N, C-alpha and C. Protein backbone atom coordinates (compact mmCIF):
# COMPACT_ATOMS: atom_id res chain seq x y z
N MET A 1 -109.43 -74.24 -103.52
CA MET A 1 -110.10 -75.80 -103.44
C MET A 1 -111.22 -75.65 -103.73
N ASN A 2 -112.24 -74.85 -104.06
CA ASN A 2 -112.66 -74.66 -104.84
C ASN A 2 -112.89 -75.04 -107.05
N GLU A 3 -111.51 -74.65 -106.95
CA GLU A 3 -111.55 -75.14 -108.46
C GLU A 3 -111.29 -76.91 -108.99
N THR A 4 -111.31 -76.99 -107.76
CA THR A 4 -110.72 -78.41 -108.18
C THR A 4 -112.19 -79.54 -107.96
N THR A 5 -113.09 -79.09 -106.33
CA THR A 5 -113.80 -79.14 -107.07
C THR A 5 -114.80 -78.50 -108.30
N SER A 6 -114.80 -78.23 -108.61
CA SER A 6 -115.28 -77.29 -109.73
C SER A 6 -114.61 -78.42 -111.06
N GLN A 7 -113.81 -79.14 -111.23
CA GLN A 7 -113.04 -79.25 -112.30
C GLN A 7 -113.64 -81.37 -112.13
N THR A 8 -113.91 -81.15 -110.82
CA THR A 8 -113.99 -82.75 -110.43
C THR A 8 -115.58 -82.95 -111.55
N ASP A 9 -116.41 -81.16 -110.77
CA ASP A 9 -117.41 -81.87 -111.50
C ASP A 9 -117.70 -82.24 -113.14
N GLU A 10 -116.90 -81.12 -113.28
CA GLU A 10 -117.30 -81.62 -114.99
C GLU A 10 -116.10 -82.75 -115.55
N LYS A 11 -115.12 -83.31 -114.93
CA LYS A 11 -115.88 -84.91 -115.18
C LYS A 11 -116.35 -85.80 -115.08
N LYS A 12 -117.28 -85.84 -114.07
CA LYS A 12 -118.40 -86.08 -114.13
C LYS A 12 -119.54 -86.55 -114.60
N GLU A 13 -119.40 -84.85 -114.96
CA GLU A 13 -120.58 -84.75 -116.08
C GLU A 13 -120.90 -85.20 -117.75
N ARG A 14 -121.87 -86.14 -118.45
CA ARG A 14 -121.38 -86.98 -119.22
C ARG A 14 -122.02 -86.36 -120.34
N ILE A 15 -121.28 -86.76 -120.72
CA ILE A 15 -122.09 -85.83 -122.88
C ILE A 15 -123.34 -86.72 -122.82
N PRO A 16 -123.70 -86.10 -124.08
CA PRO A 16 -125.24 -86.76 -124.10
C PRO A 16 -124.97 -87.59 -125.15
N ALA A 17 -125.84 -88.13 -126.71
CA ALA A 17 -125.25 -89.23 -126.87
C ALA A 17 -125.49 -88.51 -128.76
N MET A 18 -126.58 -87.94 -127.91
CA MET A 18 -126.35 -86.81 -129.13
C MET A 18 -126.04 -86.12 -129.46
N GLN A 19 -125.09 -84.97 -128.63
CA GLN A 19 -124.22 -84.28 -128.84
C GLN A 19 -122.53 -84.80 -129.42
N SER A 20 -122.59 -86.04 -129.10
CA SER A 20 -120.78 -86.98 -128.94
C SER A 20 -121.78 -87.61 -130.55
N LEU A 21 -122.40 -87.90 -130.41
CA LEU A 21 -122.91 -88.09 -132.61
C LEU A 21 -122.54 -86.99 -133.58
N ILE A 22 -123.64 -85.58 -133.24
CA ILE A 22 -123.53 -84.62 -133.92
C ILE A 22 -121.63 -84.03 -134.12
N ASP A 23 -121.37 -84.21 -132.89
CA ASP A 23 -119.41 -83.21 -132.45
C ASP A 23 -118.74 -84.11 -133.27
N ASN A 24 -119.00 -85.05 -133.96
CA ASN A 24 -117.85 -86.64 -134.61
C ASN A 24 -118.42 -85.84 -136.16
N PRO A 25 -117.51 -85.72 -137.06
CA PRO A 25 -117.73 -85.47 -138.60
C PRO A 25 -117.72 -86.93 -138.79
N PHE A 26 -116.56 -87.97 -138.80
CA PHE A 26 -116.40 -88.59 -139.76
C PHE A 26 -117.36 -89.51 -139.60
N LEU A 27 -119.07 -90.27 -138.26
CA LEU A 27 -119.34 -90.68 -138.38
C LEU A 27 -120.43 -90.03 -138.55
N LEU A 28 -120.90 -88.94 -138.63
CA LEU A 28 -121.94 -88.71 -139.87
C LEU A 28 -121.92 -88.48 -141.35
N LEU A 29 -120.39 -88.26 -141.48
CA LEU A 29 -120.35 -88.67 -143.01
C LEU A 29 -121.09 -90.25 -143.22
N PHE A 30 -120.03 -91.19 -142.41
CA PHE A 30 -120.52 -92.53 -142.56
C PHE A 30 -121.49 -93.00 -142.68
N ILE A 31 -123.05 -91.66 -141.95
CA ILE A 31 -124.17 -92.25 -142.04
C ILE A 31 -125.09 -91.86 -142.56
N GLY A 32 -124.29 -90.54 -142.71
CA GLY A 32 -124.37 -90.05 -144.22
C GLY A 32 -124.60 -90.53 -145.73
N ILE A 33 -124.12 -91.24 -145.31
CA ILE A 33 -123.86 -92.70 -146.91
C ILE A 33 -124.41 -93.53 -146.80
N ALA A 34 -123.99 -94.53 -145.48
CA ALA A 34 -124.98 -95.98 -145.33
C ALA A 34 -126.26 -95.58 -144.76
N MET A 35 -126.90 -94.48 -144.72
CA MET A 35 -128.31 -94.31 -144.48
C MET A 35 -129.12 -94.53 -146.14
N PRO A 36 -128.41 -93.61 -146.80
CA PRO A 36 -128.97 -93.68 -148.19
C PRO A 36 -128.79 -94.53 -149.07
N THR A 37 -127.94 -94.98 -148.88
CA THR A 37 -127.43 -97.09 -149.01
C THR A 37 -128.28 -98.38 -149.40
N VAL A 38 -128.61 -97.93 -147.51
CA VAL A 38 -129.63 -98.96 -147.52
C VAL A 38 -130.43 -98.41 -147.85
N PHE A 39 -131.52 -97.58 -148.09
CA PHE A 39 -132.43 -97.44 -148.38
C PHE A 39 -132.93 -98.08 -150.07
N TYR A 40 -131.89 -97.29 -150.56
CA TYR A 40 -131.95 -97.51 -152.12
C TYR A 40 -132.31 -99.22 -151.92
N LEU A 41 -130.99 -100.09 -151.68
CA LEU A 41 -130.87 -101.32 -151.46
C LEU A 41 -132.71 -102.42 -151.39
N ILE A 42 -132.78 -101.05 -150.29
CA ILE A 42 -134.07 -102.39 -149.88
C ILE A 42 -135.07 -101.95 -151.00
N TRP A 43 -135.54 -100.43 -151.59
CA TRP A 43 -136.04 -99.64 -152.26
C TRP A 43 -136.02 -100.81 -154.07
N GLY A 44 -134.43 -100.87 -154.04
CA GLY A 44 -134.10 -101.90 -154.90
C GLY A 44 -134.40 -103.50 -155.41
N ILE A 45 -134.76 -104.04 -154.25
CA ILE A 45 -135.13 -105.36 -153.76
C ILE A 45 -136.60 -105.89 -153.74
N MET A 46 -137.53 -104.45 -152.97
CA MET A 46 -138.78 -104.46 -153.38
C MET A 46 -139.18 -104.38 -154.84
N GLU A 47 -138.72 -103.19 -155.28
CA GLU A 47 -138.87 -103.75 -156.79
C GLU A 47 -139.33 -104.43 -157.53
N ILE A 48 -138.06 -105.38 -156.96
CA ILE A 48 -137.63 -106.47 -158.01
C ILE A 48 -138.43 -107.41 -157.80
N VAL A 49 -138.82 -107.38 -156.64
CA VAL A 49 -139.78 -108.60 -155.73
C VAL A 49 -141.04 -108.59 -156.36
N THR A 50 -141.88 -107.30 -156.60
CA THR A 50 -143.01 -106.93 -156.80
C THR A 50 -142.98 -106.73 -158.76
N LEU A 51 -141.94 -107.58 -159.20
CA LEU A 51 -142.30 -106.96 -160.83
C LEU A 51 -143.06 -108.64 -160.65
N PRO A 52 -144.07 -108.74 -162.03
CA PRO A 52 -144.41 -109.48 -162.06
C PRO A 52 -143.43 -110.36 -163.39
N VAL A 53 -143.81 -111.35 -163.25
CA VAL A 53 -143.34 -112.81 -163.45
C VAL A 53 -143.26 -112.77 -164.95
N ALA A 54 -142.65 -112.41 -166.29
CA ALA A 54 -142.97 -112.76 -167.81
C ALA A 54 -143.73 -113.99 -168.11
N PRO A 55 -143.93 -114.16 -169.17
CA PRO A 55 -145.23 -115.08 -169.43
C PRO A 55 -143.82 -116.13 -170.82
């Protein structure tokens, strides 16, 4: 009886969001590629916007 209660307690325990993020290698790969891409795009757009107009 004690084993069944411990098994149900383990099933009820929620996995924290950060742990599930770190445990998923494909999600980490996606984030590792997407974040720099977004930052470089934003940086490039900011550079283009701040260029002075040619005479």
